[in-house]
């Protein structure tokens, strides 16, 4: 009894190596894309923090306006009362 000849494993090994390389390239591409997304997310977070600070600064700068309007109205009322009683 003789054993049948074994098929040459070289084409299978080459195909496995080609698949392995394709998977590595795909993972490298995905890793690069994920790194880019993380970088953009960090930039967006920084912009949001900057925008929040700017909005808070504008809100603090705006608060005297209604108070000043009320004081001017009160002064006008007092002036008109003083004018009518004179």
PDB file of N, CA and C in Angstrom:
ATOM      1  N   UNK A   1       0.824  -1.175   0.000  1.00  0.00           N
ATOM      2  CA  UNK A   1       0.000   0.000   0.000  1.00  0.00           C
ATOM      3  C   UNK A   1       0.875   1.247   0.000  1.00  0.00           C
ATOM      4  N   UNK A   2       0.580   2.034  -0.923  1.00  0.00           N
ATOM      5  CA  UNK A   2       1.327   3.280  -0.997  1.00  0.00           C
ATOM      6  C   UNK A   2       0.402   4.431  -0.626  1.00  0.00           C
ATOM      7  N   UNK A   3       0.977   5.399  -0.046  1.00  0.00           N
ATOM      8  CA  UNK A   3       0.169   6.569   0.335  1.00  0.00           C
ATOM      9  C   UNK A   3       0.043   7.487  -0.871  1.00  0.00           C
ATOM     10  N   UNK A   4      -1.121   8.084  -1.020  1.00  0.00           N
ATOM     11  CA  UNK A   4      -1.303   8.983  -2.163  1.00  0.00           C
ATOM     12  C   UNK A   4      -0.413  10.215  -1.989  1.00  0.00           C
ATOM     13  N   UNK A   5       0.011  10.814  -3.041  1.00  0.00           N
ATOM     14  CA  UNK A   5       0.874  11.990  -2.924  1.00  0.00           C
ATOM     15  C   UNK A   5       0.103  13.151  -2.277  1.00  0.00           C
ATOM     16  N   UNK A   6       0.770  13.861  -1.413  1.00  0.00           N
ATOM     17  CA  UNK A   6       0.167  15.006  -0.717  1.00  0.00           C
ATOM     18  C   UNK A   6       0.156  16.218  -1.656  1.00  0.00           C
ATOM     19  N   UNK A   7      -0.938  16.984  -1.610  1.00  0.00           N
ATOM     20  CA  UNK A   7      -0.972  18.178  -2.446  1.00  0.00           C
ATOM     21  C   UNK A   7       0.053  19.202  -1.946  1.00  0.00           C
ATOM     22  N   UNK A   8       0.512  20.042  -2.823  1.00  0.00           N
ATOM     23  CA  UNK A   8       1.511  21.045  -2.478  1.00  0.00           C
ATOM     24  C   UNK A   8       0.865  22.118  -1.589  1.00  0.00           C
ATOM     25  N   UNK A   9       1.364  22.323  -0.356  1.00  0.00           N
ATOM     26  CA  UNK A   9       0.763  23.303   0.550  1.00  0.00           C
ATOM     27  C   UNK A   9       1.134  24.735   0.210  1.00  0.00           C
ATOM     28  N   UNK A  10       1.997  24.958  -0.735  1.00  0.00           N
ATOM     29  CA  UNK A  10       2.468  26.308  -1.040  1.00  0.00           C
ATOM     30  C   UNK A  10       1.346  27.239  -1.494  1.00  0.00           C
ATOM     31  N   UNK A  11       0.446  26.860  -2.403  1.00  0.00           N
ATOM     32  CA  UNK A  11      -0.613  27.802  -2.807  1.00  0.00           C
ATOM     33  C   UNK A  11      -1.519  28.177  -1.636  1.00  0.00           C
ATOM     34  N   UNK A  12      -1.777  27.231  -0.751  1.00  0.00           N
ATOM     35  CA  UNK A  12      -2.634  27.529   0.406  1.00  0.00           C
ATOM     36  C   UNK A  12      -1.923  28.511   1.318  1.00  0.00           C
ATOM     37  N   UNK A  13      -0.646  28.275   1.556  1.00  0.00           N
ATOM     38  CA  UNK A  13       0.120  29.173   2.414  1.00  0.00           C
ATOM     39  C   UNK A  13       0.193  30.570   1.812  1.00  0.00           C
ATOM     40  N   UNK A  14       0.380  30.638   0.500  1.00  0.00           N
ATOM     41  CA  UNK A  14       0.423  31.950  -0.158  1.00  0.00           C
ATOM     42  C   UNK A  14      -0.911  32.674  -0.055  1.00  0.00           C
ATOM     43  N   UNK A  15      -1.986  31.927  -0.230  1.00  0.00           N
ATOM     44  CA  UNK A  15      -3.313  32.547  -0.127  1.00  0.00           C
ATOM     45  C   UNK A  15      -3.590  33.016   1.293  1.00  0.00           C
ATOM     46  N   UNK A  16      -3.187  32.220   2.280  1.00  0.00           N
ATOM     47  CA  UNK A  16      -3.358  32.635   3.677  1.00  0.00           C
ATOM     48  C   UNK A  16      -2.527  33.886   3.976  1.00  0.00           C
ATOM     49  N   UNK A  17      -1.325  33.942   3.455  1.00  0.00           N
ATOM     50  CA  UNK A  17      -0.478  35.123   3.650  1.00  0.00           C
ATOM     51  C   UNK A  17      -1.112  36.351   3.000  1.00  0.00           C
ATOM     52  N   UNK A  18      -1.685  36.175   1.810  1.00  0.00           N
ATOM     53  CA  UNK A  18      -2.352  37.285   1.132  1.00  0.00           C
ATOM     54  C   UNK A  18      -3.570  37.761   1.940  1.00  0.00           C
ATOM     55  N   UNK A  19      -4.339  36.825   2.461  1.00  0.00           N
ATOM     56  CA  UNK A  19      -5.486  37.194   3.304  1.00  0.00           C
ATOM     57  C   UNK A  19      -5.031  37.897   4.576  1.00  0.00           C
ATOM     58  N   UNK A  20      -3.961  37.398   5.161  1.00  0.00           N
ATOM     59  CA  UNK A  20      -3.421  38.002   6.385  1.00  0.00           C
ATOM     60  C   UNK A  20      -3.003  39.446   6.114  1.00  0.00           C
ATOM     61  N   UNK A  21      -2.328  39.679   5.007  1.00  0.00           N
ATOM     62  CA  UNK A  21      -1.896  41.025   4.654  1.00  0.00           C
ATOM     63  C   UNK A  21      -3.099  41.928   4.391  1.00  0.00           C
ATOM     64  N   UNK A  22      -4.122  41.402   3.741  1.00  0.00           N
ATOM     65  CA  UNK A  22      -5.327  42.201   3.479  1.00  0.00           C
ATOM     66  C   UNK A  22      -6.006  42.611   4.778  1.00  0.00           C
ATOM     67  N   UNK A  23      -6.062  41.698   5.718  1.00  0.00           N
ATOM     68  CA  UNK A  23      -6.673  42.004   7.011  1.00  0.00           C
ATOM     69  C   UNK A  23      -5.840  43.052   7.745  1.00  0.00           C
ATOM     70  N   UNK A  24      -4.508  42.911   7.697  1.00  0.00           N
ATOM     71  CA  UNK A  24      -3.642  43.895   8.349  1.00  0.00           C
ATOM     72  C   UNK A  24      -3.816  45.281   7.736  1.00  0.00           C
ATOM     73  N   UNK A  25      -3.868  45.359   6.411  1.00  0.00           N
ATOM     74  CA  UNK A  25      -4.053  46.644   5.742  1.00  0.00           C
ATOM     75  C   UNK A  25      -5.412  47.232   6.112  1.00  0.00           C
ATOM     76  N   UNK A  26      -6.437  46.406   6.142  1.00  0.00           N
ATOM     77  CA  UNK A  26      -7.770  46.881   6.521  1.00  0.00           C
ATOM     78  C   UNK A  26      -7.803  47.415   7.939  1.00  0.00           C
ATOM     79  N   UNK A  27      -7.167  46.701   8.851  1.00  0.00           N
ATOM     80  CA  UNK A  27      -7.118  47.168  10.237  1.00  0.00           C
ATOM     81  C   UNK A  27      -6.319  48.460  10.362  1.00  0.00           C
ATOM     82  N   UNK A  28      -5.240  48.584   9.620  1.00  0.00           N
ATOM     83  CA  UNK A  28      -4.449  49.813   9.653  1.00  0.00           C
ATOM     84  C   UNK A  28      -5.270  50.993   9.137  1.00  0.00           C
ATOM     85  N   UNK A  29      -6.027  50.769   8.061  1.00  0.00           N
ATOM     86  CA  UNK A  29      -6.889  51.834   7.526  1.00  0.00           C
ATOM     87  C   UNK A  29      -7.955  52.224   8.540  1.00  0.00           C
ATOM     88  N   UNK A  30      -8.585  51.232   9.161  1.00  0.00           N
ATOM     89  CA  UNK A  30      -9.606  51.525  10.167  1.00  0.00           C
ATOM     90  C   UNK A  30      -9.005  52.252  11.357  1.00  0.00           C
ATOM     91  N   UNK A  31      -7.809  51.845  11.756  1.00  0.00           N
ATOM     92  CA  UNK A  31      -7.144  52.499  12.882  1.00  0.00           C
ATOM     93  C   UNK A  31      -6.868  53.961  12.558  1.00  0.00           C
ATOM     94  N   UNK A  32      -6.437  54.238  11.335  1.00  0.00           N
ATOM     95  CA  UNK A  32      -6.200  55.617  10.921  1.00  0.00           C
ATOM     96  C   UNK A  32      -7.478  56.436  10.908  1.00  0.00           C
ATOM     97  N   UNK A  33      -8.548  55.841  10.420  1.00  0.00           N
ATOM     98  CA  UNK A  33      -9.826  56.551  10.383  1.00  0.00           C
ATOM     99  C   UNK A  33     -10.342  56.814  11.792  1.00  0.00           C
ATOM    100  N   UNK A  34     -10.181  55.850  12.681  1.00  0.00           N
ATOM    101  CA  UNK A  34     -10.619  56.050  14.060  1.00  0.00           C
ATOM    102  C   UNK A  34      -9.788  57.124  14.745  1.00  0.00           C
ATOM    103  N   UNK A  35      -8.489  57.147  14.476  1.00  0.00           N
ATOM    104  CA  UNK A  35      -7.642  58.193  15.057  1.00  0.00           C
ATOM    105  C   UNK A  35      -8.079  59.567  14.564  1.00  0.00           C
ATOM    106  N   UNK A  36      -8.431  59.668  13.289  1.00  0.00           N
ATOM    107  CA  UNK A  36      -8.913  60.935  12.749  1.00  0.00           C
ATOM    108  C   UNK A  36     -10.222  61.350  13.414  1.00  0.00           C
ATOM    109  N   UNK A  37     -11.116  60.400  13.615  1.00  0.00           N
ATOM    110  CA  UNK A  37     -12.388  60.718  14.283  1.00  0.00           C
ATOM    111  C   UNK A  37     -12.169  61.167  15.723  1.00  0.00           C
ATOM    112  N   UNK A  38     -11.248  60.542  16.413  1.00  0.00           N
ATOM    113  CA  UNK A  38     -10.948  60.941  17.796  1.00  0.00           C
ATOM    114  C   UNK A  38     -10.373  62.352  17.816  1.00  0.00           C
ATOM    115  N   UNK A  39      -9.484  62.645  16.864  1.00  0.00           N
ATOM    116  CA  UNK A  39      -8.905  63.985  16.792  1.00  0.00           C
ATOM    117  C   UNK A  39      -9.993  65.029  16.515  1.00  0.00           C
ATOM    118  N   UNK A  40     -10.879  64.739  15.592  1.00  0.00           N
ATOM    119  CA  UNK A  40     -11.971  65.679  15.295  1.00  0.00           C
ATOM    120  C   UNK A  40     -12.892  65.840  16.500  1.00  0.00           C
ATOM    121  N   UNK A  41     -13.128  64.774  17.217  1.00  0.00           N
ATOM    122  CA  UNK A  41     -13.969  64.851  18.414  1.00  0.00           C
ATOM    123  C   UNK A  41     -13.320  65.734  19.474  1.00  0.00           C
ATOM    124  N   UNK A  42     -12.007  65.589  19.648  1.00  0.00           N
ATOM    125  CA  UNK A  42     -11.294  66.435  20.605  1.00  0.00           C
ATOM    126  C   UNK A  42     -11.360  67.902  20.203  1.00  0.00           C
ATOM    127  N   UNK A  43     -11.208  68.176  18.901  1.00  0.00           N
ATOM    128  CA  UNK A  43     -11.308  69.553  18.426  1.00  0.00           C
ATOM    129  C   UNK A  43     -12.710  70.105  18.653  1.00  0.00           C
ATOM    130  N   UNK A  44     -13.716  69.284  18.416  1.00  0.00           N
ATOM    131  CA  UNK A  44     -15.094  69.723  18.625  1.00  0.00           C
ATOM    132  C   UNK A  44     -15.353  70.003  20.095  1.00  0.00           C
ATOM    133  N   UNK A  45     -14.820  69.153  20.979  1.00  0.00           N
ATOM    134  CA  UNK A  45     -14.969  69.399  22.416  1.00  0.00           C
ATOM    135  C   UNK A  45     -14.330  70.721  22.807  1.00  0.00           C
ATOM    136  N   UNK A  46     -13.156  71.006  22.254  1.00  0.00           N
ATOM    137  CA  UNK A  46     -12.493  72.279  22.543  1.00  0.00           C
ATOM    138  C   UNK A  46     -13.307  73.462  22.053  1.00  0.00           C
ATOM    139  N   UNK A  47     -13.878  73.323  20.869  1.00  0.00           N
ATOM    140  CA  UNK A  47     -14.715  74.410  20.339  1.00  0.00           C
ATOM    141  C   UNK A  47     -15.961  74.618  21.184  1.00  0.00           C
ATOM    142  N   UNK A  48     -16.544  73.545  21.680  1.00  0.00           N
ATOM    143  CA  UNK A  48     -17.744  73.660  22.516  1.00  0.00           C
ATOM    144  C   UNK A  48     -17.410  74.365  23.821  1.00  0.00           C
ATOM    145  N   UNK A  49     -16.278  74.013  24.417  1.00  0.00           N
ATOM    146  CA  UNK A  49     -15.861  74.673  25.658  1.00  0.00           C
ATOM    147  C   UNK A  49     -15.632  76.153  25.403  1.00  0.00           C
ATOM    148  N   UNK A  50     -14.965  76.485  24.293  1.00  0.00           N
ATOM    149  CA  UNK A  50     -14.721  77.882  23.940  1.00  0.00           C
ATOM    150  C   UNK A  50     -16.032  78.628  23.728  1.00  0.00           C
ATOM    151  N   UNK A  51     -16.970  77.991  23.042  1.00  0.00           N
ATOM    152  CA  UNK A  51     -18.268  78.617  22.801  1.00  0.00           C
ATOM    153  C   UNK A  51     -19.034  78.837  24.102  1.00  0.00           C
ATOM    154  N   UNK A  52     -18.983  77.864  25.007  1.00  0.00           N
ATOM    155  CA  UNK A  52     -19.642  78.029  26.303  1.00  0.00           C
ATOM    156  C   UNK A  52     -19.061  79.206  27.075  1.00  0.00           C
ATOM    157  N   UNK A  53     -17.736  79.344  27.023  1.00  0.00           N
ATOM    158  CA  UNK A  53     -17.104  80.464  27.722  1.00  0.00           C
ATOM    159  C   UNK A  53     -17.517  81.794  27.102  1.00  0.00           C
ATOM    160  N   UNK A  54     -17.595  81.841  25.766  1.00  0.00           N
ATOM    161  CA  UNK A  54     -17.997  83.082  25.103  1.00  0.00           C
ATOM    162  C   UNK A  54     -19.448  83.444  25.423  1.00  0.00           C
ATOM    163  N   UNK A  55     -20.319  82.451  25.446  1.00  0.00           N
ATOM    164  CA  UNK A  55     -21.731  82.716  25.767  1.00  0.00           C
ATOM    165  C   UNK A  55     -21.869  83.202  27.204  1.00  0.00           C
ATOM    166  N   UNK A  56     -21.127  82.575  28.127  1.00  0.00           N
ATOM    167  CA  UNK A  56     -21.182  83.009  29.528  1.00  0.00           C
ATOM    168  C   UNK A  56     -20.674  84.442  29.662  1.00  0.00           C
ATOM    169  N   UNK A  57     -19.623  84.789  28.916  1.00  0.00           N
ATOM    170  CA  UNK A  57     -19.101  86.153  28.959  1.00  0.00           C
ATOM    171  C   UNK A  57     -20.122  87.146  28.418  1.00  0.00           C
ATOM    172  N   UNK A  58     -20.799  86.789  27.342  1.00  0.00           N
ATOM    173  CA  UNK A  58     -21.834  87.672  26.802  1.00  0.00           C
ATOM    174  C   UNK A  58     -23.004  87.830  27.768  1.00  0.00           C
ATOM    175  N   UNK A  59     -23.363  86.749  28.442  1.00  0.00           N
ATOM    176  CA  UNK A  59     -24.464  86.839  29.409  1.00  0.00           C
ATOM    177  C   UNK A  59     -24.084  87.739  30.580  1.00  0.00           C
ATOM    178  N   UNK A  60     -22.835  87.649  31.038  1.00  0.00           N
ATOM    179  CA  UNK A  60     -22.406  88.517  32.139  1.00  0.00           C
ATOM    180  C   UNK A  60     -22.367  89.976  31.700  1.00  0.00           C
ATOM    181  N   UNK A  61     -21.981  90.238  30.471  1.00  0.00           N
ATOM    182  CA  UNK A  61     -21.891  91.609  29.982  1.00  0.00           C
ATOM    183  C   UNK A  61     -23.271  92.204  29.725  1.00  0.00           C
ATOM    184  N   UNK A  62     -24.268  91.388  29.529  1.00  0.00           N
ATOM    185  CA  UNK A  62     -25.598  91.870  29.180  1.00  0.00           C
ATOM    186  C   UNK A  62     -26.444  92.212  30.392  1.00  0.00           C
ATOM    187  N   UNK A  63     -26.145  91.686  31.576  1.00  0.00           N
ATOM    188  CA  UNK A  63     -27.049  91.852  32.714  1.00  0.00           C
ATOM    189  C   UNK A  63     -27.297  93.290  33.116  1.00  0.00           C
ATOM    190  N   UNK A  64     -26.356  94.247  32.969  1.00  0.00           N
ATOM    191  CA  UNK A  64     -26.674  95.616  33.411  1.00  0.00           C
ATOM    192  C   UNK A  64     -27.685  96.335  32.514  1.00  0.00           C
ATOM    193  N   UNK A  65     -27.887  95.878  31.301  1.00  0.00           N
ATOM    194  CA  UNK A  65     -28.781  96.604  30.397  1.00  0.00           C
ATOM    195  C   UNK A  65     -30.210  96.732  30.932  1.00  0.00           C
ATOM    196  N   UNK A  66     -30.859  95.687  31.407  1.00  0.00           N
ATOM    197  CA  UNK A  66     -32.206  95.876  31.950  1.00  0.00           C
ATOM    198  C   UNK A  66     -32.206  96.765  33.199  1.00  0.00           C
ATOM    199  N   UNK A  67     -31.163  96.641  34.006  1.00  0.00           N
ATOM    200  CA  UNK A  67     -31.075  97.485  35.206  1.00  0.00           C
ATOM    201  C   UNK A  67     -30.917  98.945  34.808  1.00  0.00           C
ATOM    202  N   UNK A  68     -30.084  99.216  33.829  1.00  0.00           N
ATOM    203  CA  UNK A  68     -29.914 100.593  33.371  1.00  0.00           C
ATOM    204  C   UNK A  68     -31.203 101.134  32.765  1.00  0.00           C
ATOM    205  N   UNK A  69     -31.910 100.306  32.036  1.00  0.00           N
ATOM    206  CA  UNK A  69     -33.192 100.741  31.459  1.00  0.00           C
ATOM    207  C   UNK A  69     -34.182 101.079  32.563  1.00  0.00           C
ATOM    208  N   UNK A  70     -34.223 100.282  33.609  1.00  0.00           N
ATOM    209  CA  UNK A  70     -35.130 100.566  34.725  1.00  0.00           C
ATOM    210  C   UNK A  70     -34.724 101.858  35.437  1.00  0.00           C
ATOM    211  N   UNK A  71     -33.431 102.090  35.620  1.00  0.00           N
ATOM    212  CA  UNK A  71     -32.976 103.325  36.271  1.00  0.00           C
ATOM    213  C   UNK A  71     -33.296 104.552  35.425  1.00  0.00           C
ATOM    214  N   UNK A  72     -33.131 104.461  34.121  1.00  0.00           N
ATOM    215  CA  UNK A  72     -33.450 105.588  33.236  1.00  0.00           C
ATOM    216  C   UNK A  72     -34.950 105.857  33.269  1.00  0.00           C
ATOM    217  N   UNK A  73     -35.757 104.818  33.271  1.00  0.00           N
ATOM    218  CA  UNK A  73     -37.212 104.998  33.343  1.00  0.00           C
ATOM    219  C   UNK A  73     -37.612 105.631  34.671  1.00  0.00           C
ATOM    220  N   UNK A  74     -37.001 105.209  35.749  1.00  0.00           N
ATOM    221  CA  UNK A  74     -37.296 105.789  37.063  1.00  0.00           C
ATOM    222  C   UNK A  74     -36.874 107.252  37.101  1.00  0.00           C
ATOM    223  N   UNK A  75     -35.712 107.556  36.533  1.00  0.00           N
ATOM    224  CA  UNK A  75     -35.258 108.951  36.496  1.00  0.00           C
ATOM    225  C   UNK A  75     -36.210 109.801  35.659  1.00  0.00           C
ATOM    226  N   UNK A  76     -36.680 109.264  34.544  1.00  0.00           N
ATOM    227  CA  UNK A  76     -37.637 110.006  33.715  1.00  0.00           C
ATOM    228  C   UNK A  76     -38.944 110.230  34.465  1.00  0.00           C
ATOM    229  N   UNK A  77     -39.404 109.238  35.199  1.00  0.00           N
ATOM    230  CA  UNK A  77     -40.627 109.382  35.991  1.00  0.00           C
ATOM    231  C   UNK A  77     -40.456 110.442  37.059  1.00  0.00           C
ATOM    232  N   UNK A  78     -39.338 110.401  37.770  1.00  0.00           N
ATOM    233  CA  UNK A  78     -39.089 111.404  38.811  1.00  0.00           C
ATOM    234  C   UNK A  78     -38.969 112.800  38.209  1.00  0.00           C
ATOM    235  N   UNK A  79     -38.322 112.897  37.050  1.00  0.00           N
ATOM    236  CA  UNK A  79     -38.192 114.195  36.400  1.00  0.00           C
ATOM    237  C   UNK A  79     -39.545 114.721  35.947  1.00  0.00           C
ATOM    238  N   UNK A  80     -40.396 113.856  35.430  1.00  0.00           N
ATOM    239  CA  UNK A  80     -41.716 114.318  34.993  1.00  0.00           C
ATOM    240  C   UNK A  80     -42.585 114.707  36.189  1.00  0.00           C
ATOM    241  N   UNK A  81     -42.475 113.993  37.296  1.00  0.00           N
ATOM    242  CA  UNK A  81     -43.229 114.374  38.519  1.00  0.00           C
ATOM    243  C   UNK A  81     -42.725 115.713  39.033  1.00  0.00           C
ATOM    244  N   UNK A  82     -41.411 115.898  38.995  1.00  0.00           N
ATOM    245  CA  UNK A  82     -40.834 117.155  39.473  1.00  0.00           C
ATOM    246  C   UNK A  82     -41.260 118.301  38.567  1.00  0.00           C
ATOM    247  N   UNK A  83     -41.356 118.074  37.266  1.00  0.00           N
ATOM    248  CA  UNK A  83     -41.767 119.100  36.318  1.00  0.00           C
ATOM    249  C   UNK A  83     -43.229 119.492  36.531  1.00  0.00           C
ATOM    250  N   UNK A  84     -44.086 118.507  36.824  1.00  0.00           N
ATOM    251  CA  UNK A  84     -45.517 118.819  36.984  1.00  0.00           C
ATOM    252  C   UNK A  84     -45.782 119.526  38.317  1.00  0.00           C
ATOM    253  N   UNK A  85     -45.005 119.260  39.331  1.00  0.00           N
ATOM    254  CA  UNK A  85     -45.251 119.890  40.626  1.00  0.00           C
ATOM    255  C   UNK A  85     -44.622 121.286  40.688  1.00  0.00           C
ATOM    256  N   UNK A  86     -43.858 121.663  39.805  1.00  0.00           N
ATOM    257  CA  UNK A  86     -43.185 122.945  39.782  1.00  0.00           C
ATOM    258  C   UNK A  86     -43.970 124.016  39.180  1.00  0.00           C
TER     259      UNK A  86
END
